[in-house]
C-alpha atoms as a PDB file:
ATOM      1  CA  MET A   1     102.478  78.861  80.697  1.00  0.00           C
ATOM      2  CA  PRO A   2     102.620  78.034  84.426  1.00  0.00           C
ATOM      3  CA  ALA A   3     100.008  78.246  87.130  1.00  0.00           C
ATOM      4  CA  ILE A   4     100.122  76.944  90.696  1.00  0.00           C
ATOM      5  CA  ARG A   5      97.323  75.914  93.061  1.00  0.00           C
ATOM      6  CA  ILE A   6      97.719  77.341  96.560  1.00  0.00           C
ATOM      7  CA  PRO A   7      95.871  76.292  99.740  1.00  0.00           C
ATOM      8  CA  ARG A   8      93.898  78.913 101.662  1.00  0.00           C
ATOM      9  CA  SER A   9      95.803  80.870 104.356  1.00  0.00           C
ATOM     10  CA  ASN A  10      99.168  80.373 102.689  1.00  0.00           C
ATOM     11  CA  PHE A  11      99.717  83.942 101.489  1.00  0.00           C
ATOM     12  CA  LYS A  12     101.904  86.683 102.878  1.00  0.00           C
ATOM     13  CA  VAL A  13     102.836  90.155 101.673  1.00  0.00           C
ATOM     14  CA  ARG A  14     106.507  91.052 101.811  1.00  0.00           C
ATOM     15  CA  PHE A  15     107.041  94.821 102.018  1.00  0.00           C
ATOM     16  CA  SER A  16     110.390  96.561 101.585  1.00  0.00           C
ATOM     17  CA  GLY A  17     109.477  98.944 104.392  1.00  0.00           C
ATOM     18  CA  ASP A  18     110.556 102.022 102.470  1.00  0.00           C
ATOM     19  CA  ALA A  19     107.796 104.148 100.977  1.00  0.00           C
ATOM     20  CA  SER A  20     110.322 105.779  98.655  1.00  0.00           C
ATOM     21  CA  GLY A  21     110.914 102.408  97.024  1.00  0.00           C
ATOM     22  CA  ALA A  22     114.607 102.456  97.961  1.00  0.00           C
ATOM     23  CA  GLY A  23     114.303  98.988  99.460  1.00  0.00           C
ATOM     24  CA  ARG A  24     112.870  97.426  96.339  1.00  0.00           C
ATOM     25  CA  ARG A  25     114.022  93.971  95.291  1.00  0.00           C
ATOM     26  CA  ASN A  26     112.977  91.338  92.803  1.00  0.00           C
ATOM     27  CA  VAL A  27     110.522  88.539  93.526  1.00  0.00           C
ATOM     28  CA  PRO A  28     113.176  85.802  94.000  1.00  0.00           C
ATOM     29  CA  THR A  29     114.913  87.969  96.622  1.00  0.00           C
ATOM     30  CA  PHE A  30     111.645  88.497  98.502  1.00  0.00           C
ATOM     31  CA  VAL A  31     110.935  84.758  98.493  1.00  0.00           C
ATOM     32  CA  ARG A  32     114.448  83.768  99.540  1.00  0.00           C
ATOM     33  CA  GLY A  33     114.271  86.286 102.378  1.00  0.00           C
ATOM     34  CA  ASP A  34     111.472  84.289 103.992  1.00  0.00           C
ATOM     35  CA  ALA A  35     112.567  80.842 105.138  1.00  0.00           C
ATOM     36  CA  ASN A  36     109.011  79.511 104.813  1.00  0.00           C
ATOM     37  CA  ALA A  37     108.176  80.867 101.355  1.00  0.00           C
ATOM     38  CA  ILE A  38     108.518  78.696  98.265  1.00  0.00           C
ATOM     39  CA  ALA A  39     106.734  80.783  95.633  1.00  0.00           C
ATOM     40  CA  GLY A  40     106.020  84.409  94.905  1.00  0.00           C
ATOM     41  CA  SER A  41     104.673  86.962  92.475  1.00  0.00           C
ATOM     42  CA  ASN A  42     104.137  90.716  92.210  1.00  0.00           C
ATOM     43  CA  PHE A  43     100.775  92.449  92.393  1.00  0.00           C
ATOM     44  CA  MET A  44     101.968  95.752  93.835  1.00  0.00           C
ATOM     45  CA  PHE A  45     102.445  98.793  91.630  1.00  0.00           C
ATOM     46  CA  PHE A  46     105.062 101.504  92.079  1.00  0.00           C
ATOM     47  CA  ASP A  47     104.800 104.977  90.529  1.00  0.00           C
ATOM     48  CA  LEU A  48     108.203 105.570  88.946  1.00  0.00           C
ATOM     49  CA  SER A  49     107.506 109.270  88.387  1.00  0.00           C
ATOM     50  CA  THR A  50     106.587 110.153  91.976  1.00  0.00           C
ATOM     51  CA  GLY A  51     108.372 107.406  93.905  1.00  0.00           C
ATOM     52  CA  GLU A  52     105.185 106.561  95.803  1.00  0.00           C
ATOM     53  CA  LEU A  53     103.676 103.187  96.667  1.00  0.00           C
ATOM     54  CA  THR A  54     100.517 104.114  94.848  1.00  0.00           C
ATOM     55  CA  GLY A  55      98.779 100.810  95.350  1.00  0.00           C
ATOM     56  CA  LEU A  56      99.351  99.967  99.031  1.00  0.00           C
ATOM     57  CA  PHE A  57      95.982 100.592 100.691  1.00  0.00           C
ATOM     58  CA  VAL A  58      96.253  98.691 103.979  1.00  0.00           C
ATOM     59  CA  LEU A  59      99.151  97.060 105.819  1.00  0.00           C
ATOM     60  CA  ASP A  60      98.677  95.341 109.208  1.00  0.00           C
ATOM     61  CA  GLY A  61      95.292  97.010 109.625  1.00  0.00           C
ATOM     62  CA  ASP A  62      96.561 100.556 109.044  1.00  0.00           C
ATOM     63  CA  ARG A  63      95.427 102.669 106.109  1.00  0.00           C
ATOM     64  CA  LYS A  64      98.245 103.598 103.760  1.00  0.00           C
ATOM     65  CA  HIS A  65      98.561 105.845 100.756  1.00  0.00           C
ATOM     66  CA  GLY A  66      96.884 104.585  97.616  1.00  0.00           C
ATOM     67  CA  VAL A  67      95.673 105.850  94.278  1.00  0.00           C
ATOM     68  CA  THR A  68      92.094 106.845  95.050  1.00  0.00           C
ATOM     69  CA  GLY A  69      89.078 108.022  93.128  1.00  0.00           C
ATOM     70  CA  LYS A  70      89.984 106.018  90.042  1.00  0.00           C
ATOM     71  CA  ASN A  71      87.683 103.023  90.467  1.00  0.00           C
ATOM     72  CA  ILE A  72      90.520 100.586  91.200  1.00  0.00           C
ATOM     73  CA  ASP A  73      89.956  96.923  92.048  1.00  0.00           C
ATOM     74  CA  VAL A  74      91.850  95.641  95.066  1.00  0.00           C
ATOM     75  CA  ILE A  75      93.150  92.352  96.469  1.00  0.00           C
ATOM     76  CA  SER A  76      93.096  91.963 100.279  1.00  0.00           C
ATOM     77  CA  LEU A  77      93.695  89.422 103.039  1.00  0.00           C
ATOM     78  CA  ASN A  78      91.084  89.498 105.799  1.00  0.00           C
ATOM     79  CA  GLY A  79      91.341  88.393 109.415  1.00  0.00           C
ATOM     80  CA  ASN A  80      89.894  84.979 108.564  1.00  0.00           C
ATOM     81  CA  GLY A  81      92.837  84.195 106.298  1.00  0.00           C
ATOM     82  CA  ALA A  82      90.853  84.563 103.087  1.00  0.00           C
ATOM     83  CA  VAL A  83      92.028  86.544 100.081  1.00  0.00           C
ATOM     84  CA  VAL A  84      89.198  88.715  98.768  1.00  0.00           C
ATOM     85  CA  PHE A  85      88.733  90.735  95.597  1.00  0.00           C
ATOM     86  CA  HIS A  86      86.884  94.060  95.984  1.00  0.00           C
ATOM     87  CA  ASP A  87      87.374  97.794  95.262  1.00  0.00           C
ATOM     88  CA  GLU A  88      89.282 100.667  96.838  1.00  0.00           C
ATOM     89  CA  ASN A  89      86.282 102.062  98.738  1.00  0.00           C
ATOM     90  CA  SER A  90      85.579  98.678 100.287  1.00  0.00           C
ATOM     91  CA  ALA A  91      89.243  98.272 101.222  1.00  0.00           C
ATOM     92  CA  TYR A  92      89.364 101.602 103.015  1.00  0.00           C
ATOM     93  CA  SER A  93      86.051 101.104 104.815  1.00  0.00           C
ATOM     94  CA  GLN A  94      87.189  97.684 106.086  1.00  0.00           C
ATOM     95  CA  SER A  95      90.814  98.669 106.750  1.00  0.00           C
ATOM     96  CA  SER A  96      90.774  97.821 110.473  1.00  0.00           C
ATOM     97  CA  SER A  97      89.745  94.224 109.705  1.00  0.00           C
ATOM     98  CA  LEU A  98      92.210  93.664 106.852  1.00  0.00           C
ATOM     99  CA  ILE A  99      95.769  92.402 107.248  1.00  0.00           C
ATOM    100  CA  TRP A 100      96.807  93.905 103.922  1.00  0.00           C
ATOM    101  CA  SER A 101      95.253  95.341 100.810  1.00  0.00           C
ATOM    102  CA  MET A 102      96.811  96.455  97.537  1.00  0.00           C
ATOM    103  CA  ALA A 103      95.830  97.683  94.098  1.00  0.00           C
ATOM    104  CA  ALA A 104      95.436  95.150  91.307  1.00  0.00           C
ATOM    105  CA  GLY A 105      92.785  94.497  88.774  1.00  0.00           C
ATOM    106  CA  PRO A 106      90.590  94.675  87.083  1.00  0.00           C
ATOM    107  CA  ILE A 107      88.481  91.808  88.407  1.00  0.00           C
ATOM    108  CA  ILE A 108      87.935  89.723  85.280  1.00  0.00           C
ATOM    109  CA  VAL A 109      85.780  86.838  86.606  1.00  0.00           C
ATOM    110  CA  ARG A 110      83.092  87.210  89.290  1.00  0.00           C
ATOM    111  CA  GLY A 111      80.728  84.453  90.396  1.00  0.00           C
ATOM    112  CA  GLY A 112      81.778  82.277  87.478  1.00  0.00           C
ATOM    113  CA  ASN A 113      80.940  84.954  84.905  1.00  0.00           C
ATOM    114  CA  PHE A 114      83.053  87.238  82.764  1.00  0.00           C
ATOM    115  CA  THR A 115      82.981  90.837  83.980  1.00  0.00           C
ATOM    116  CA  ASP A 116      83.039  92.838  80.762  1.00  0.00           C
ATOM    117  CA  ALA A 117      81.979  95.988  82.621  1.00  0.00           C
ATOM    118  CA  THR A 118      85.350  96.146  84.374  1.00  0.00           C
ATOM    119  CA  TRP A 119      87.133  96.893  81.095  1.00  0.00           C
ATOM    120  CA  GLY A 120      86.411 100.552  81.880  1.00  0.00           C
ATOM    121  CA  LYS A 121      88.164 100.391  85.236  1.00  0.00           C
ATOM    122  CA  TYR A 122      91.438 102.143  85.911  1.00  0.00           C
ATOM    123  CA  SER A 123      94.401  99.879  85.187  1.00  0.00           C
ATOM    124  CA  VAL A 124      97.396 100.535  87.393  1.00  0.00           C
ATOM    125  CA  ASP A 125      99.779  98.942  84.886  1.00  0.00           C
ATOM    126  CA  GLN A 126      98.359 101.178  82.127  1.00  0.00           C
ATOM    127  CA  LEU A 127      97.955  98.261  79.710  1.00  0.00           C
ATOM    128  CA  GLY A 128      94.786  98.221  77.651  1.00  0.00           C
ATOM    129  CA  PRO A 129      92.520  95.150  77.991  1.00  0.00           C
ATOM    130  CA  THR A 130      93.150  94.064  74.392  1.00  0.00           C
ATOM    131  CA  VAL A 131      96.951  94.279  74.601  1.00  0.00           C
ATOM    132  CA  ASN A 132      98.819  90.961  74.601  1.00  0.00           C
ATOM    133  CA  ARG A 133     101.545  91.195  77.245  1.00  0.00           C
ATOM    134  CA  GLN A 134     102.983  89.255  80.153  1.00  0.00           C
ATOM    135  CA  ARG A 135     100.355  89.138  82.887  1.00  0.00           C
ATOM    136  CA  ILE A 136      99.891  87.804  86.418  1.00  0.00           C
ATOM    137  CA  CYS A 137      96.474  86.691  87.677  1.00  0.00           C
ATOM    138  CA  LEU A 138      95.078  85.326  90.942  1.00  0.00           C
ATOM    139  CA  GLY A 139      91.908  83.258  90.920  1.00  0.00           C
ATOM    140  CA  LEU A 140      89.643  81.689  93.539  1.00  0.00           C
ATOM    141  CA  HIS A 141      89.150  78.016  92.650  1.00  0.00           C
ATOM    142  CA  SER A 142      85.787  76.343  93.198  1.00  0.00           C
ATOM    143  CA  SER A 143      87.464  74.130  95.833  1.00  0.00           C
ATOM    144  CA  GLY A 144      88.370  77.160  97.963  1.00  0.00           C
ATOM    145  CA  ASP A 145      92.034  77.054  96.958  1.00  0.00           C
ATOM    146  CA  TYR A 146      93.686  79.777  94.880  1.00  0.00           C
ATOM    147  CA  ILE A 147      95.265  79.685  91.438  1.00  0.00           C
ATOM    148  CA  LEU A 148      98.237  81.976  90.790  1.00  0.00           C
ATOM    149  CA  ALA A 149      98.983  82.136  87.085  1.00  0.00           C
ATOM    150  CA  TYR A 150     101.532  83.704  84.769  1.00  0.00           C
ATOM    151  CA  ARG A 151     101.035  84.049  81.024  1.00  0.00           C
ATOM    152  CA  ALA A 152     103.766  85.227  78.672  1.00  0.00           C
ATOM    153  CA  SER A 153     101.467  86.978  76.182  1.00  0.00           C
ATOM    154  CA  ILE A 154      97.731  87.358  76.724  1.00  0.00           C
ATOM    155  CA  ASN A 155      94.961  89.987  76.839  1.00  0.00           C
ATOM    156  CA  LEU A 156      92.376  90.348  79.613  1.00  0.00           C
ATOM    157  CA  THR A 157      89.566  88.621  77.722  1.00  0.00           C
ATOM    158  CA  ASP A 158      91.659  85.533  77.027  1.00  0.00           C
ATOM    159  CA  LEU A 159      93.092  85.644  80.553  1.00  0.00           C
ATOM    160  CA  ALA A 160      89.568  85.522  81.973  1.00  0.00           C
ATOM    161  CA  GLY A 161      88.794  82.506  79.803  1.00  0.00           C
ATOM    162  CA  TYR A 162      92.013  80.816  80.877  1.00  0.00           C
ATOM    163  CA  MET A 163      91.246  81.286  84.582  1.00  0.00           C
ATOM    164  CA  LYS A 164      87.724  79.929  84.105  1.00  0.00           C
ATOM    165  CA  SER A 165      89.165  76.900  82.296  1.00  0.00           C
ATOM    166  CA  LEU A 166      91.252  76.207  85.413  1.00  0.00           C
ATOM    167  CA  GLY A 167      88.098  76.095  87.551  1.00  0.00           C
ATOM    168  CA  CYS A 168      88.165  79.624  88.973  1.00  0.00           C
ATOM    169  CA  THR A 169      84.883  81.227  90.029  1.00  0.00           C
ATOM    170  CA  ASP A 170      86.556  84.607  90.608  1.00  0.00           C
ATOM    171  CA  ALA A 171      89.781  86.093  89.263  1.00  0.00           C
ATOM    172  CA  ILE A 172      91.644  89.382  89.439  1.00  0.00           C
ATOM    173  CA  ALA A 173      94.410  90.503  87.107  1.00  0.00           C
ATOM    174  CA  GLY A 174      97.703  91.536  88.648  1.00  0.00           C
ATOM    175  CA  ASP A 175     100.805  93.090  87.206  1.00  0.00           C
ATOM    176  CA  GLY A 176     101.230  93.250  83.463  1.00  0.00           C
ATOM    177  CA  GLY A 177     104.109  94.038  81.155  1.00  0.00           C
ATOM    178  CA  GLY A 178     107.809  93.650  81.728  1.00  0.00           C
ATOM    179  CA  SER A 179     107.698  93.519  85.520  1.00  0.00           C
ATOM    180  CA  ALA A 180     105.307  90.546  85.728  1.00  0.00           C
ATOM    181  CA  GLN A 181     107.051  87.722  87.592  1.00  0.00           C
ATOM    182  CA  LEU A 182     106.236  84.308  89.061  1.00  0.00           C
ATOM    183  CA  TYR A 183     109.020  82.574  90.980  1.00  0.00           C
ATOM    184  CA  LEU A 184     109.090  78.980  92.239  1.00  0.00           C
ATOM    185  CA  GLU A 185     111.844  78.562  94.829  1.00  0.00           C
ATOM    186  CA  ASP A 186     111.680  74.766  94.943  1.00  0.00           C
ATOM    187  CA  ARG A 187     112.382  74.677  91.202  1.00  0.00           C
ATOM    188  CA  ASN A 188     114.675  77.721  91.183  1.00  0.00           C
ATOM    189  CA  THR A 189     112.608  78.927  88.241  1.00  0.00           C
ATOM    190  CA  LEU A 190     111.595  82.495  87.418  1.00  0.00           C
ATOM    191  CA  PHE A 191     108.888  83.147  84.847  1.00  0.00           C
ATOM    192  CA  GLY A 192     108.747  86.649  83.418  1.00  0.00           C
ATOM    193  CA  SER A 193     110.752  89.908  83.602  1.00  0.00           C
ATOM    194  CA  ASP A 194     111.764  91.849  80.545  1.00  0.00           C
ATOM    195  CA  ALA A 195     114.929  91.777  78.460  1.00  0.00           C
ATOM    196  CA  ARG A 196     116.687  94.490  80.505  1.00  0.00           C
ATOM    197  CA  SER A 197     116.813  92.807  83.893  1.00  0.00           C
ATOM    198  CA  VAL A 198     114.754  91.184  86.589  1.00  0.00           C
ATOM    199  CA  HIS A 199     112.550  94.038  87.797  1.00  0.00           C
ATOM    200  CA  VAL A 200     112.788  95.227  91.387  1.00  0.00           C
ATOM    201  CA  ILE A 201     109.532  95.994  93.184  1.00  0.00           C
ATOM    202  CA  PRO A 202     108.492  97.230  96.651  1.00  0.00           C
ATOM    203  CA  VAL A 203     106.033  94.439  97.510  1.00  0.00           C
ATOM    204  CA  ALA A 204     105.666  90.763  96.658  1.00  0.00           C
ATOM    205  CA  LEU A 205     102.882  88.254  97.262  1.00  0.00           C
ATOM    206  CA  THR A 206     104.469  85.058  98.578  1.00  0.00           C
ATOM    207  CA  SER A 207     103.162  81.583  99.322  1.00  0.00           C
ATOM    208  CA  TYR A 208     104.329  79.048 101.892  1.00  0.00           C
ATOM    209  CA  SER A 209     103.149  76.075  99.877  1.00  0.00           C
ATOM    210  CA  TYR A 210     101.366  75.042  96.752  1.00  0.00           C
ATOM    211  CA  ILE A 211      99.479  71.862  96.015  1.00  0.00           C
ATOM    212  CA  SER A 212     100.360  71.393  92.388  1.00  0.00           C
ATOM    213  CA  SER A 213     101.591  73.163  89.302  1.00  0.00           C
ATOM    214  CA  ILE A 214      99.533  73.353  86.132  1.00  0.00           C
ATOM    215  CA  ALA A 215     101.151  73.431  82.708  1.00  0.00           C
END
C-alpha cells in the first residue's frame, strides 16, 4: 500500500494538449516523457461520453472548461509553488494567479480534522464514499511536504484516517476505481490499473523527486 513523500515545488502537470482526449497516455508514459520526472499519478478526470476534459479548470493561468455548478473540490498549483486544495469557484476567481487547477476531491481532511460534510460533494469518479475501490490521495504533511498515496481497496472514511496517520493536516482524494495509478520510475513499478489494461488519461500529476517511500 505505497505512499511517497514529496518536497514542495516538485510537482508538474503533464497535459496531452488535445481537448478531445486523442493524445491520452498512461501515467508511466507521461513520466517517461519528462526527463526530470521520477514519479507520477492521475488526478484528472475525462468524460468518456462527451470526450471533454471536464476537470481541467486552469492551465498556465488561463481558464479552461470544467464541470461547474456541482460543488467540486479542486487541486491547484499557485505562483508560489504551493499545491492548494479549494473549490471550483475559488479556482476560477484566482485563475490568473494559478499555474494549473483540476478537479479532484472531495477534500477529506482539513486543518487536521475529518471533513464529514464533504461526503455530499460531487464526486467526479462517481464512486460513493463508502465504496472500497482503488484510490489516489494527495495530502499536505505537517512538515510542509506532500504525501501522494495509492490504496488498492479503501473507502473515503478509511482513506482520511490513513492520511492523518501519515501526518497529513489536509488531504484531497483523487482518482478512484480502475484508472487509479501511481508510478515510480526509479523502481519501474506501477501500482494500480484494472484487469483490462493500463488506463490512458489526458493529464498526469508528476514529481521530480521524492524524499522517501512509505509502506
